[in-house]
PDB file of N, CA and C in Angstrom:
ATOM      1  N   UNK A   1     102.260 112.071 114.228  1.00  0.00           N
ATOM      2  CA  UNK A   1     101.069 110.997 113.978  1.00  0.00           C
ATOM      3  C   UNK A   1     100.049 111.151 114.950  1.00  0.00           C
ATOM      4  N   UNK A   2      98.931 111.013 114.281  1.00  0.00           N
ATOM      5  CA  UNK A   2      97.707 111.064 115.108  1.00  0.00           C
ATOM      6  C   UNK A   2      97.368 109.920 115.804  1.00  0.00           C
ATOM      7  N   UNK A   3      96.913 109.963 117.132  1.00  0.00           N
ATOM      8  CA  UNK A   3      96.473 108.778 117.897  1.00  0.00           C
ATOM      9  C   UNK A   3      95.001 108.480 117.788  1.00  0.00           C
ATOM     10  N   UNK A   4      94.310 109.308 116.941  1.00  0.00           N
ATOM     11  CA  UNK A   4      92.890 109.292 116.723  1.00  0.00           C
ATOM     12  C   UNK A   4      92.450 108.534 115.661  1.00  0.00           C
ATOM     13  N   UNK A   5      93.241 107.478 115.080  1.00  0.00           N
ATOM     14  CA  UNK A   5      92.822 106.716 114.126  1.00  0.00           C
ATOM     15  C   UNK A   5      91.903 105.601 114.729  1.00  0.00           C
ATOM     16  N   UNK A   6      90.738 105.309 113.986  1.00  0.00           N
ATOM     17  CA  UNK A   6      89.802 104.338 114.256  1.00  0.00           C
ATOM     18  C   UNK A   6      89.578 103.447 113.287  1.00  0.00           C
ATOM     19  N   UNK A   7      89.702 101.959 113.508  1.00  0.00           N
ATOM     20  CA  UNK A   7      89.631 100.993 112.645  1.00  0.00           C
ATOM     21  C   UNK A   7      88.261 100.316 112.774  1.00  0.00           C
ATOM     22  N   UNK A   8      87.575 100.125 111.625  1.00  0.00           N
ATOM     23  CA  UNK A   8      86.328  99.471 111.670  1.00  0.00           C
ATOM     24  C   UNK A   8      86.570  98.266 110.674  1.00  0.00           C
ATOM     25  N   UNK A   9      86.048  96.992 111.066  1.00  0.00           N
ATOM     26  CA  UNK A   9      86.204  95.814 110.570  1.00  0.00           C
ATOM     27  C   UNK A   9      84.885  95.452 109.828  1.00  0.00           C
ATOM     28  N   UNK A  10      84.642  95.294 108.544  1.00  0.00           N
ATOM     29  CA  UNK A  10      83.515  94.881 107.837  1.00  0.00           C
ATOM     30  C   UNK A  10      83.776  93.803 106.943  1.00  0.00           C
ATOM     31  N   UNK A  11      83.416  92.666 106.949  1.00  0.00           N
ATOM     32  CA  UNK A  11      83.536  91.621 105.934  1.00  0.00           C
ATOM     33  C   UNK A  11      85.206  91.323 105.691  1.00  0.00           C
ATOM     34  N   UNK A  12      85.801  91.333 106.719  1.00  0.00           N
ATOM     35  CA  UNK A  12      87.231  91.001 106.632  1.00  0.00           C
ATOM     36  C   UNK A  12      88.059  92.055 106.023  1.00  0.00           C
ATOM     37  N   UNK A  13      87.612  93.299 105.974  1.00  0.00           N
ATOM     38  CA  UNK A  13      88.256  94.594 105.433  1.00  0.00           C
ATOM     39  C   UNK A  13      88.385  95.394 106.449  1.00  0.00           C
ATOM     40  N   UNK A  14      89.337  96.338 106.580  1.00  0.00           N
ATOM     41  CA  UNK A  14      89.730  97.281 107.549  1.00  0.00           C
ATOM     42  C   UNK A  14      89.448  98.630 106.856  1.00  0.00           C
ATOM     43  N   UNK A  15      88.881  99.493 107.485  1.00  0.00           N
ATOM     44  CA  UNK A  15      88.620 100.849 107.100  1.00  0.00           C
ATOM     45  C   UNK A  15      89.196 101.841 108.082  1.00  0.00           C
ATOM     46  N   UNK A  16      90.138 102.470 107.458  1.00  0.00           N
ATOM     47  CA  UNK A  16      90.902 103.608 108.471  1.00  0.00           C
ATOM     48  C   UNK A  16      90.141 104.921 108.259  1.00  0.00           C
ATOM     49  N   UNK A  17      89.663 105.517 109.388  1.00  0.00           N
ATOM     50  CA  UNK A  17      89.247 106.821 109.290  1.00  0.00           C
ATOM     51  C   UNK A  17      90.275 107.784 109.799  1.00  0.00           C
ATOM     52  N   UNK A  18      91.047 108.343 108.967  1.00  0.00           N
ATOM     53  CA  UNK A  18      92.254 109.288 109.205  1.00  0.00           C
ATOM     54  C   UNK A  18      91.729 110.762 109.125  1.00  0.00           C
ATOM     55  N   UNK A  19      92.430 111.395 109.931  1.00  0.00           N
ATOM     56  CA  UNK A  19      92.129 112.829 109.879  1.00  0.00           C
ATOM     57  C   UNK A  19      92.811 113.512 108.748  1.00  0.00           C
ATOM     58  N   UNK A  20      92.249 114.659 108.351  1.00  0.00           N
ATOM     59  CA  UNK A  20      92.758 115.424 107.279  1.00  0.00           C
ATOM     60  C   UNK A  20      94.210 115.806 107.372  1.00  0.00           C
ATOM     61  N   UNK A  21      95.068 115.753 106.203  1.00  0.00           N
ATOM     62  CA  UNK A  21      96.325 116.082 106.448  1.00  0.00           C
ATOM     63  C   UNK A  21      96.582 117.536 106.754  1.00  0.00           C
ATOM     64  N   UNK A  22      97.628 117.983 107.444  1.00  0.00           N
ATOM     65  CA  UNK A  22      98.061 119.261 107.577  1.00  0.00           C
ATOM     66  C   UNK A  22      99.431 119.588 106.978  1.00  0.00           C
ATOM     67  N   UNK A  23      99.907 120.496 106.650  1.00  0.00           N
ATOM     68  CA  UNK A  23     101.208 120.761 106.001  1.00  0.00           C
ATOM     69  C   UNK A  23     102.357 120.306 106.905  1.00  0.00           C
ATOM     70  N   UNK A  24     102.221 120.114 108.040  1.00  0.00           N
ATOM     71  CA  UNK A  24     103.328 119.620 108.872  1.00  0.00           C
ATOM     72  C   UNK A  24     103.541 118.089 109.008  1.00  0.00           C
ATOM     73  N   UNK A  25     102.329 117.401 108.500  1.00  0.00           N
ATOM     74  CA  UNK A  25     102.446 115.832 108.530  1.00  0.00           C
ATOM     75  C   UNK A  25     103.573 115.349 107.806  1.00  0.00           C
ATOM     76  N   UNK A  26     104.069 114.275 108.209  1.00  0.00           N
ATOM     77  CA  UNK A  26     105.417 113.584 107.701  1.00  0.00           C
ATOM     78  C   UNK A  26     105.039 113.181 106.191  1.00  0.00           C
ATOM     79  N   UNK A  27     104.031 112.821 105.925  1.00  0.00           N
ATOM     80  CA  UNK A  27     103.793 112.176 104.431  1.00  0.00           C
ATOM     81  C   UNK A  27     103.179 113.244 103.635  1.00  0.00           C
ATOM     82  N   UNK A  28     103.022 114.402 103.952  1.00  0.00           N
ATOM     83  CA  UNK A  28     102.202 115.419 103.271  1.00  0.00           C
ATOM     84  C   UNK A  28     103.139 115.688 101.897  1.00  0.00           C
ATOM     85  N   UNK A  29     102.485 115.880 100.914  1.00  0.00           N
ATOM     86  CA  UNK A  29     103.219 116.237  99.599  1.00  0.00           C
ATOM     87  C   UNK A  29     102.418 117.554  99.033  1.00  0.00           C
ATOM     88  N   UNK A  30     103.069 118.093  98.065  1.00  0.00           N
ATOM     89  CA  UNK A  30     102.486 119.235  97.413  1.00  0.00           C
ATOM     90  C   UNK A  30     101.423 118.833  96.614  1.00  0.00           C
ATOM     91  N   UNK A  31     101.372 117.607  96.180  1.00  0.00           N
ATOM     92  CA  UNK A  31     100.276 117.086  95.319  1.00  0.00           C
ATOM     93  C   UNK A  31      98.842 117.067  96.142  1.00  0.00           C
ATOM     94  N   UNK A  32      98.898 116.600  97.299  1.00  0.00           N
ATOM     95  CA  UNK A  32      97.741 116.438  98.226  1.00  0.00           C
ATOM     96  C   UNK A  32      97.091 117.885  98.333  1.00  0.00           C
ATOM     97  N   UNK A  33      97.838 118.910  98.316  1.00  0.00           N
ATOM     98  CA  UNK A  33      97.212 120.104  98.464  1.00  0.00           C
ATOM     99  C   UNK A  33      96.442 120.700  97.315  1.00  0.00           C
ATOM    100  N   UNK A  34      96.814 120.078  96.190  1.00  0.00           N
ATOM    101  CA  UNK A  34      96.094 120.434  94.769  1.00  0.00           C
ATOM    102  C   UNK A  34      94.866 119.932  94.575  1.00  0.00           C
ATOM    103  N   UNK A  35      94.339 119.014  95.341  1.00  0.00           N
ATOM    104  CA  UNK A  35      93.015 118.320  95.193  1.00  0.00           C
ATOM    105  C   UNK A  35      92.110 118.661  96.276  1.00  0.00           C
ATOM    106  N   UNK A  36      90.858 118.788  95.854  1.00  0.00           N
ATOM    107  CA  UNK A  36      89.714 119.101  96.652  1.00  0.00           C
ATOM    108  C   UNK A  36      89.540 117.775  97.540  1.00  0.00           C
ATOM    109  N   UNK A  37      89.008 117.761  98.757  1.00  0.00           N
ATOM    110  CA  UNK A  37      88.743 116.844  99.658  1.00  0.00           C
ATOM    111  C   UNK A  37      87.595 116.054  99.093  1.00  0.00           C
ATOM    112  N   UNK A  38      86.777 116.535  98.356  1.00  0.00           N
ATOM    113  CA  UNK A  38      85.652 115.618  97.708  1.00  0.00           C
ATOM    114  C   UNK A  38      86.029 114.796  96.537  1.00  0.00           C
ATOM    115  N   UNK A  39      87.094 114.900  96.078  1.00  0.00           N
ATOM    116  CA  UNK A  39      87.536 114.138  94.817  1.00  0.00           C
ATOM    117  C   UNK A  39      88.237 112.879  95.474  1.00  0.00           C
ATOM    118  N   UNK A  40      87.959 111.642  94.965  1.00  0.00           N
ATOM    119  CA  UNK A  40      88.607 110.417  95.252  1.00  0.00           C
ATOM    120  C   UNK A  40      89.858 110.419  94.420  1.00  0.00           C
ATOM    121  N   UNK A  41      90.943 110.501  94.939  1.00  0.00           N
ATOM    122  CA  UNK A  41      92.165 110.557  94.180  1.00  0.00           C
ATOM    123  C   UNK A  41      93.230 109.136  94.794  1.00  0.00           C
ATOM    124  N   UNK A  42      93.694 108.386  93.842  1.00  0.00           N
ATOM    125  CA  UNK A  42      94.519 107.476  94.120  1.00  0.00           C
ATOM    126  C   UNK A  42      96.103 108.068  93.955  1.00  0.00           C
ATOM    127  N   UNK A  43      96.890 108.054  95.018  1.00  0.00           N
ATOM    128  CA  UNK A  43      98.020 108.476  95.013  1.00  0.00           C
ATOM    129  C   UNK A  43      99.131 107.391  95.097  1.00  0.00           C
ATOM    130  N   UNK A  44      99.997 107.378  94.174  1.00  0.00           N
ATOM    131  CA  UNK A  44     101.003 106.297  94.193  1.00  0.00           C
ATOM    132  C   UNK A  44     102.529 106.874  94.029  1.00  0.00           C
ATOM    133  N   UNK A  45     103.431 106.128  94.273  1.00  0.00           N
ATOM    134  CA  UNK A  45     104.934 106.527  93.947  1.00  0.00           C
ATOM    135  C   UNK A  45     105.314 105.526  92.997  1.00  0.00           C
ATOM    136  N   UNK A  46     106.204 106.047  92.169  1.00  0.00           N
ATOM    137  CA  UNK A  46     106.715 105.054  90.890  1.00  0.00           C
ATOM    138  C   UNK A  46     107.474 103.935  91.478  1.00  0.00           C
ATOM    139  N   UNK A  47     108.207 104.371  92.568  1.00  0.00           N
ATOM    140  CA  UNK A  47     108.950 103.212  93.209  1.00  0.00           C
ATOM    141  C   UNK A  47     108.346 101.946  93.973  1.00  0.00           C
ATOM    142  N   UNK A  48     106.957 102.329  94.044  1.00  0.00           N
ATOM    143  CA  UNK A  48     106.046 101.447  94.747  1.00  0.00           C
ATOM    144  C   UNK A  48     105.515 100.377  93.756  1.00  0.00           C
ATOM    145  N   UNK A  49     105.454 100.560  92.461  1.00  0.00           N
ATOM    146  CA  UNK A  49     104.959  99.853  91.379  1.00  0.00           C
ATOM    147  C   UNK A  49     105.987  98.519  91.064  1.00  0.00           C
ATOM    148  N   UNK A  50     105.341  97.403  90.888  1.00  0.00           N
ATOM    149  CA  UNK A  50     106.287  96.201  90.677  1.00  0.00           C
ATOM    150  C   UNK A  50     105.965  95.738  89.172  1.00  0.00           C
ATOM    151  N   UNK A  51     106.860  96.073  88.245  1.00  0.00           N
ATOM    152  CA  UNK A  51     106.643  95.780  87.048  1.00  0.00           C
ATOM    153  C   UNK A  51     106.789  94.173  86.657  1.00  0.00           C
ATOM    154  N   UNK A  52     106.317  93.809  85.526  1.00  0.00           N
ATOM    155  CA  UNK A  52     106.426  92.410  85.212  1.00  0.00           C
ATOM    156  C   UNK A  52     107.846  92.199  84.395  1.00  0.00           C
ATOM    157  N   UNK A  53     108.073  91.134  84.016  1.00  0.00           N
ATOM    158  CA  UNK A  53     109.661  90.826  83.401  1.00  0.00           C
ATOM    159  C   UNK A  53     109.992  91.765  82.257  1.00  0.00           C
ATOM    160  N   UNK A  54     108.972  92.371  81.672  1.00  0.00           N
ATOM    161  CA  UNK A  54     109.348  93.321  80.522  1.00  0.00           C
ATOM    162  C   UNK A  54     109.428  94.746  81.062  1.00  0.00           C
ATOM    163  N   UNK A  55     109.177  94.992  82.258  1.00  0.00           N
ATOM    164  CA  UNK A  55     109.348  96.290  82.780  1.00  0.00           C
ATOM    165  C   UNK A  55     107.840  97.030  82.675  1.00  0.00           C
ATOM    166  N   UNK A  56     106.807  96.329  82.559  1.00  0.00           N
ATOM    167  CA  UNK A  56     105.470  96.943  82.311  1.00  0.00           C
ATOM    168  C   UNK A  56     104.668  96.916  83.691  1.00  0.00           C
ATOM    169  N   UNK A  57     103.839  97.874  83.898  1.00  0.00           N
ATOM    170  CA  UNK A  57     102.788  97.885  84.913  1.00  0.00           C
ATOM    171  C   UNK A  57     101.474  98.255  84.414  1.00  0.00           C
ATOM    172  N   UNK A  58     100.610  97.625  84.626  1.00  0.00           N
ATOM    173  CA  UNK A  58      99.089  97.971  84.294  1.00  0.00           C
ATOM    174  C   UNK A  58      98.296  98.354  85.473  1.00  0.00           C
ATOM    175  N   UNK A  59      97.750  99.491  85.510  1.00  0.00           N
ATOM    176  CA  UNK A  59      96.863 100.227  86.449  1.00  0.00           C
ATOM    177  C   UNK A  59      95.398 100.041  85.983  1.00  0.00           C
ATOM    178  N   UNK A  60      94.564  99.472  86.888  1.00  0.00           N
ATOM    179  CA  UNK A  60      93.076  99.414  86.567  1.00  0.00           C
ATOM    180  C   UNK A  60      92.657 100.112  87.822  1.00  0.00           C
ATOM    181  N   UNK A  61      92.367 101.478  87.921  1.00  0.00           N
ATOM    182  CA  UNK A  61      91.965 102.133  89.058  1.00  0.00           C
ATOM    183  C   UNK A  61      90.547 102.350  89.183  1.00  0.00           C
ATOM    184  N   UNK A  62      89.694 101.913  88.134  1.00  0.00           N
ATOM    185  CA  UNK A  62      88.510 102.070  87.923  1.00  0.00           C
ATOM    186  C   UNK A  62      88.007 103.384  87.403  1.00  0.00           C
ATOM    187  N   UNK A  63      86.743 103.362  86.665  1.00  0.00           N
ATOM    188  CA  UNK A  63      86.326 104.384  85.903  1.00  0.00           C
ATOM    189  C   UNK A  63      86.050 105.805  86.908  1.00  0.00           C
ATOM    190  N   UNK A  64      86.385 106.685  86.396  1.00  0.00           N
ATOM    191  CA  UNK A  64      86.270 108.005  87.069  1.00  0.00           C
ATOM    192  C   UNK A  64      87.080 108.302  88.335  1.00  0.00           C
ATOM    193  N   UNK A  65      88.015 107.496  88.602  1.00  0.00           N
ATOM    194  CA  UNK A  65      88.934 107.520  89.699  1.00  0.00           C
ATOM    195  C   UNK A  65      90.135 108.336  89.062  1.00  0.00           C
ATOM    196  N   UNK A  66      90.525 109.453  89.932  1.00  0.00           N
ATOM    197  CA  UNK A  66      91.792 110.068  89.541  1.00  0.00           C
ATOM    198  C   UNK A  66      93.071 109.480  90.010  1.00  0.00           C
ATOM    199  N   UNK A  67      94.065 109.251  89.203  1.00  0.00           N
ATOM    200  CA  UNK A  67      95.249 108.609  89.742  1.00  0.00           C
ATOM    201  C   UNK A  67      96.334 109.661  89.573  1.00  0.00           C
ATOM    202  N   UNK A  68      97.106 109.943  90.652  1.00  0.00           N
ATOM    203  CA  UNK A  68      98.401 110.724  90.729  1.00  0.00           C
ATOM    204  C   UNK A  68      99.518 109.934  91.155  1.00  0.00           C
ATOM    205  N   UNK A  69     100.609 110.045  90.246  1.00  0.00           N
ATOM    206  CA  UNK A  69     101.826 109.264  90.370  1.00  0.00           C
ATOM    207  C   UNK A  69     102.948 110.239  90.477  1.00  0.00           C
ATOM    208  N   UNK A  70     103.633 109.826  91.629  1.00  0.00           N
ATOM    209  CA  UNK A  70     104.904 110.873  91.957  1.00  0.00           C
ATOM    210  C   UNK A  70     106.057 109.981  91.384  1.00  0.00           C
ATOM    211  N   UNK A  71     106.845 110.656  90.680  1.00  0.00           N
ATOM    212  CA  UNK A  71     108.043 109.802  90.100  1.00  0.00           C
ATOM    213  C   UNK A  71     109.350 110.735  90.348  1.00  0.00           C
ATOM    214  N   UNK A  72     110.465 109.890  90.744  1.00  0.00           N
ATOM    215  CA  UNK A  72     111.720 110.728  90.862  1.00  0.00           C
ATOM    216  C   UNK A  72     112.521 110.697  89.630  1.00  0.00           C
ATOM    217  N   UNK A  73     111.890 110.419  88.453  1.00  0.00           N
ATOM    218  CA  UNK A  73     112.588 110.224  87.241  1.00  0.00           C
ATOM    219  C   UNK A  73     111.990 110.981  86.111  1.00  0.00           C
ATOM    220  N   UNK A  74     112.703 110.944  85.099  1.00  0.00           N
ATOM    221  CA  UNK A  74     111.957 111.637  83.824  1.00  0.00           C
ATOM    222  C   UNK A  74     110.984 110.797  83.062  1.00  0.00           C
ATOM    223  N   UNK A  75     109.795 111.296  82.629  1.00  0.00           N
ATOM    224  CA  UNK A  75     108.954 110.855  81.936  1.00  0.00           C
ATOM    225  C   UNK A  75     109.203 111.011  80.382  1.00  0.00           C
ATOM    226  N   UNK A  76     109.731 109.982  79.639  1.00  0.00           N
ATOM    227  CA  UNK A  76     110.243 110.161  78.334  1.00  0.00           C
ATOM    228  C   UNK A  76     108.978 110.347  77.261  1.00  0.00           C
ATOM    229  N   UNK A  77     107.995 109.705  77.417  1.00  0.00           N
ATOM    230  CA  UNK A  77     106.885 109.773  76.396  1.00  0.00           C
ATOM    231  C   UNK A  77     105.547 109.274  76.928  1.00  0.00           C
ATOM    232  N   UNK A  78     104.489 109.646  76.216  1.00  0.00           N
ATOM    233  CA  UNK A  78     103.218 109.230  76.680  1.00  0.00           C
ATOM    234  C   UNK A  78     102.343 109.203  75.417  1.00  0.00           C
ATOM    235  N   UNK A  79     101.244 108.470  75.333  1.00  0.00           N
ATOM    236  CA  UNK A  79     100.312 108.330  74.410  1.00  0.00           C
ATOM    237  C   UNK A  79      99.268 107.188  74.600  1.00  0.00           C
ATOM    238  N   UNK A  80      98.837 106.549  73.649  1.00  0.00           N
ATOM    239  CA  UNK A  80      97.967 105.539  73.653  1.00  0.00           C
ATOM    240  C   UNK A  80      98.506 104.273  73.076  1.00  0.00           C
ATOM    241  N   UNK A  81      98.371 103.334  73.791  1.00  0.00           N
ATOM    242  CA  UNK A  81      99.188 101.870  73.352  1.00  0.00           C
ATOM    243  C   UNK A  81      98.246 101.401  72.116  1.00  0.00           C
ATOM    244  N   UNK A  82      99.242 100.934  71.065  1.00  0.00           N
ATOM    245  CA  UNK A  82      98.790 100.214  70.010  1.00  0.00           C
ATOM    246  C   UNK A  82      98.496  98.587  70.180  1.00  0.00           C
ATOM    247  N   UNK A  83      98.275  97.854  69.528  1.00  0.00           N
ATOM    248  CA  UNK A  83      98.027  96.551  69.723  1.00  0.00           C
ATOM    249  C   UNK A  83      99.261  95.866  70.441  1.00  0.00           C
ATOM    250  N   UNK A  84      99.100  95.365  71.862  1.00  0.00           N
ATOM    251  CA  UNK A  84     100.061  94.936  72.713  1.00  0.00           C
ATOM    252  C   UNK A  84      99.599  94.218  73.680  1.00  0.00           C
ATOM    253  N   UNK A  85     100.243  92.926  74.095  1.00  0.00           N
ATOM    254  CA  UNK A  85      99.847  92.317  75.260  1.00  0.00           C
ATOM    255  C   UNK A  85     101.165  92.198  76.070  1.00  0.00           C
ATOM    256  N   UNK A  86     101.130  92.534  77.334  1.00  0.00           N
ATOM    257  CA  UNK A  86     102.348  92.556  78.241  1.00  0.00           C
ATOM    258  C   UNK A  86     102.929  90.993  78.413  1.00  0.00           C
ATOM    259  N   UNK A  87     103.953  91.118  79.064  1.00  0.00           N
ATOM    260  CA  UNK A  87     104.667  89.750  79.390  1.00  0.00           C
ATOM    261  C   UNK A  87     103.842  88.891  80.300  1.00  0.00           C
ATOM    262  N   UNK A  88     103.003  89.825  81.222  1.00  0.00           N
ATOM    263  CA  UNK A  88     102.192  88.887  82.036  1.00  0.00           C
ATOM    264  C   UNK A  88     100.772  88.599  81.718  1.00  0.00           C
ATOM    265  N   UNK A  89     100.534  88.830  80.246  1.00  0.00           N
ATOM    266  CA  UNK A  89      99.453  88.440  79.451  1.00  0.00           C
ATOM    267  C   UNK A  89      98.219  89.276  79.524  1.00  0.00           C
ATOM    268  N   UNK A  90      98.462  90.663  79.852  1.00  0.00           N
ATOM    269  CA  UNK A  90      97.415  91.785  79.836  1.00  0.00           C
ATOM    270  C   UNK A  90      97.357  92.359  78.599  1.00  0.00           C
ATOM    271  N   UNK A  91      96.201  92.439  77.871  1.00  0.00           N
ATOM    272  CA  UNK A  91      96.076  93.144  76.626  1.00  0.00           C
ATOM    273  C   UNK A  91      95.923  94.584  76.875  1.00  0.00           C
ATOM    274  N   UNK A  92      96.733  95.465  76.548  1.00  0.00           N
ATOM    275  CA  UNK A  92      96.653  96.781  76.823  1.00  0.00           C
ATOM    276  C   UNK A  92      96.412  97.663  75.621  1.00  0.00           C
ATOM    277  N   UNK A  93      95.841  97.014  74.784  1.00  0.00           N
ATOM    278  CA  UNK A  93      95.753  97.793  73.549  1.00  0.00           C
ATOM    279  C   UNK A  93      94.511  99.034  73.710  1.00  0.00           C
ATOM    280  N   UNK A  94      94.880 100.257  73.320  1.00  0.00           N
ATOM    281  CA  UNK A  94      94.009 101.370  73.578  1.00  0.00           C
ATOM    282  C   UNK A  94      94.142 101.909  74.934  1.00  0.00           C
ATOM    283  N   UNK A  95      94.937 101.528  75.743  1.00  0.00           N
ATOM    284  CA  UNK A  95      95.354 101.992  77.169  1.00  0.00           C
ATOM    285  C   UNK A  95      96.125 103.264  77.147  1.00  0.00           C
ATOM    286  N   UNK A  96      96.229 104.080  78.022  1.00  0.00           N
ATOM    287  CA  UNK A  96      97.141 105.155  78.029  1.00  0.00           C
ATOM    288  C   UNK A  96      98.488 104.547  78.342  1.00  0.00           C
ATOM    289  N   UNK A  97      99.524 105.060  77.771  1.00  0.00           N
ATOM    290  CA  UNK A  97     101.009 104.644  78.045  1.00  0.00           C
ATOM    291  C   UNK A  97     101.865 105.543  78.318  1.00  0.00           C
ATOM    292  N   UNK A  98     102.698 105.439  79.312  1.00  0.00           N
ATOM    293  CA  UNK A  98     103.649 106.238  79.799  1.00  0.00           C
ATOM    294  C   UNK A  98     105.070 105.547  79.889  1.00  0.00           C
ATOM    295  N   UNK A  99     105.962 106.083  79.269  1.00  0.00           N
ATOM    296  CA  UNK A  99     107.447 105.610  79.263  1.00  0.00           C
ATOM    297  C   UNK A  99     108.436 106.526  80.280  1.00  0.00           C
ATOM    298  N   UNK A 100     108.989 105.717  81.157  1.00  0.00           N
ATOM    299  CA  UNK A 100     110.042 106.410  81.905  1.00  0.00           C
ATOM    300  C   UNK A 100     111.466 106.252  81.598  1.00  0.00           C
ATOM    301  N   UNK A 101     112.368 106.869  81.991  1.00  0.00           N
ATOM    302  CA  UNK A 101     113.832 106.868  81.730  1.00  0.00           C
ATOM    303  C   UNK A 101     114.467 105.673  82.090  1.00  0.00           C
ATOM    304  N   UNK A 102     113.832 104.995  83.366  1.00  0.00           N
ATOM    305  CA  UNK A 102     114.340 103.782  83.854  1.00  0.00           C
ATOM    306  C   UNK A 102     113.922 102.585  82.963  1.00  0.00           C
ATOM    307  N   UNK A 103     113.157 102.560  82.041  1.00  0.00           N
ATOM    308  CA  UNK A 103     112.591 101.637  81.277  1.00  0.00           C
ATOM    309  C   UNK A 103     111.134 101.063  81.600  1.00  0.00           C
ATOM    310  N   UNK A 104     110.659 101.668  82.783  1.00  0.00           N
ATOM    311  CA  UNK A 104     109.364 101.076  83.189  1.00  0.00           C
ATOM    312  C   UNK A 104     108.327 101.836  82.160  1.00  0.00           C
ATOM    313  N   UNK A 105     107.437 100.979  81.792  1.00  0.00           N
ATOM    314  CA  UNK A 105     106.252 101.325  81.022  1.00  0.00           C
ATOM    315  C   UNK A 105     105.013 101.271  81.962  1.00  0.00           C
ATOM    316  N   UNK A 106     104.323 102.219  82.034  1.00  0.00           N
ATOM    317  CA  UNK A 106     102.963 102.125  82.632  1.00  0.00           C
ATOM    318  C   UNK A 106     101.749 102.379  81.752  1.00  0.00           C
ATOM    319  N   UNK A 107     100.666 101.484  81.948  1.00  0.00           N
ATOM    320  CA  UNK A 107      99.660 101.396  81.275  1.00  0.00           C
ATOM    321  C   UNK A 107      98.654 101.814  82.080  1.00  0.00           C
ATOM    322  N   UNK A 108      97.557 102.422  81.577  1.00  0.00           N
ATOM    323  CA  UNK A 108      96.366 102.927  82.588  1.00  0.00           C
ATOM    324  C   UNK A 108      95.206 103.129  81.814  1.00  0.00           C
ATOM    325  N   UNK A 109      94.016 102.651  82.333  1.00  0.00           N
ATOM    326  CA  UNK A 109      92.705 102.932  81.809  1.00  0.00           C
ATOM    327  C   UNK A 109      92.488 104.444  81.643  1.00  0.00           C
ATOM    328  N   UNK A 110      92.633 105.153  82.618  1.00  0.00           N
ATOM    329  CA  UNK A 110      92.399 106.567  82.652  1.00  0.00           C
ATOM    330  C   UNK A 110      93.657 107.269  82.526  1.00  0.00           C
ATOM    331  N   UNK A 111      93.578 108.636  82.418  1.00  0.00           N
ATOM    332  CA  UNK A 111      94.796 109.360  82.410  1.00  0.00           C
ATOM    333  C   UNK A 111      95.404 109.406  83.774  1.00  0.00           C
ATOM    334  N   UNK A 112      96.735 109.483  84.029  1.00  0.00           N
ATOM    335  CA  UNK A 112      97.341 109.536  85.161  1.00  0.00           C
ATOM    336  C   UNK A 112      98.020 110.927  85.120  1.00  0.00           C
ATOM    337  N   UNK A 113      97.934 111.663  86.305  1.00  0.00           N
ATOM    338  CA  UNK A 113      98.620 112.884  86.541  1.00  0.00           C
ATOM    339  C   UNK A 113      99.984 112.561  87.218  1.00  0.00           C
ATOM    340  N   UNK A 114     101.102 112.958  86.422  1.00  0.00           N
ATOM    341  CA  UNK A 114     102.364 112.542  86.753  1.00  0.00           C
ATOM    342  C   UNK A 114     103.274 113.892  87.341  1.00  0.00           C
ATOM    343  N   UNK A 115     103.554 113.610  88.532  1.00  0.00           N
ATOM    344  CA  UNK A 115     104.587 114.683  89.112  1.00  0.00           C
ATOM    345  C   UNK A 115     106.087 114.117  89.229  1.00  0.00           C
ATOM    346  N   UNK A 116     106.870 114.809  88.319  1.00  0.00           N
ATOM    347  CA  UNK A 116     108.245 114.082  88.401  1.00  0.00           C
ATOM    348  C   UNK A 116     109.117 115.226  89.265  1.00  0.00           C
ATOM    349  N   UNK A 117     110.261 114.755  89.781  1.00  0.00           N
ATOM    350  CA  UNK A 117     111.093 115.493  90.400  1.00  0.00           C
ATOM    351  C   UNK A 117     112.226 116.015  89.506  1.00  0.00           C
ATOM    352  N   UNK A 118     111.867 115.994  88.205  1.00  0.00           N
ATOM    353  CA  UNK A 118     112.903 116.562  87.120  1.00  0.00           C
ATOM    354  C   UNK A 118     112.353 117.652  86.611  1.00  0.00           C
TER     355      UNK A 118
END
């Protein structure tokens, strides 16, 4: 772990200026090596997502942001959601939909790059 992390507080938010990852960093993944440093990528792990009562998660990452999801389980199907409102009340009609073996359903504005361990 680097000791050169600097925190800057602005309007109640903390911005971390982290050094670039190298292959021997503890949290380094093969995915991180696949993207150019100039591209903003949101990287998540499937286990970090908290579904609603029906097993649905809705991601709003913002237009133009790339989302990468690391999943340790099988992706069963993907497509575009038909007319549907989640148990938490979000209208997901027309969003990208991804169904996983565990029963979790992920809805997203943009396409999500999914890396499975299967």
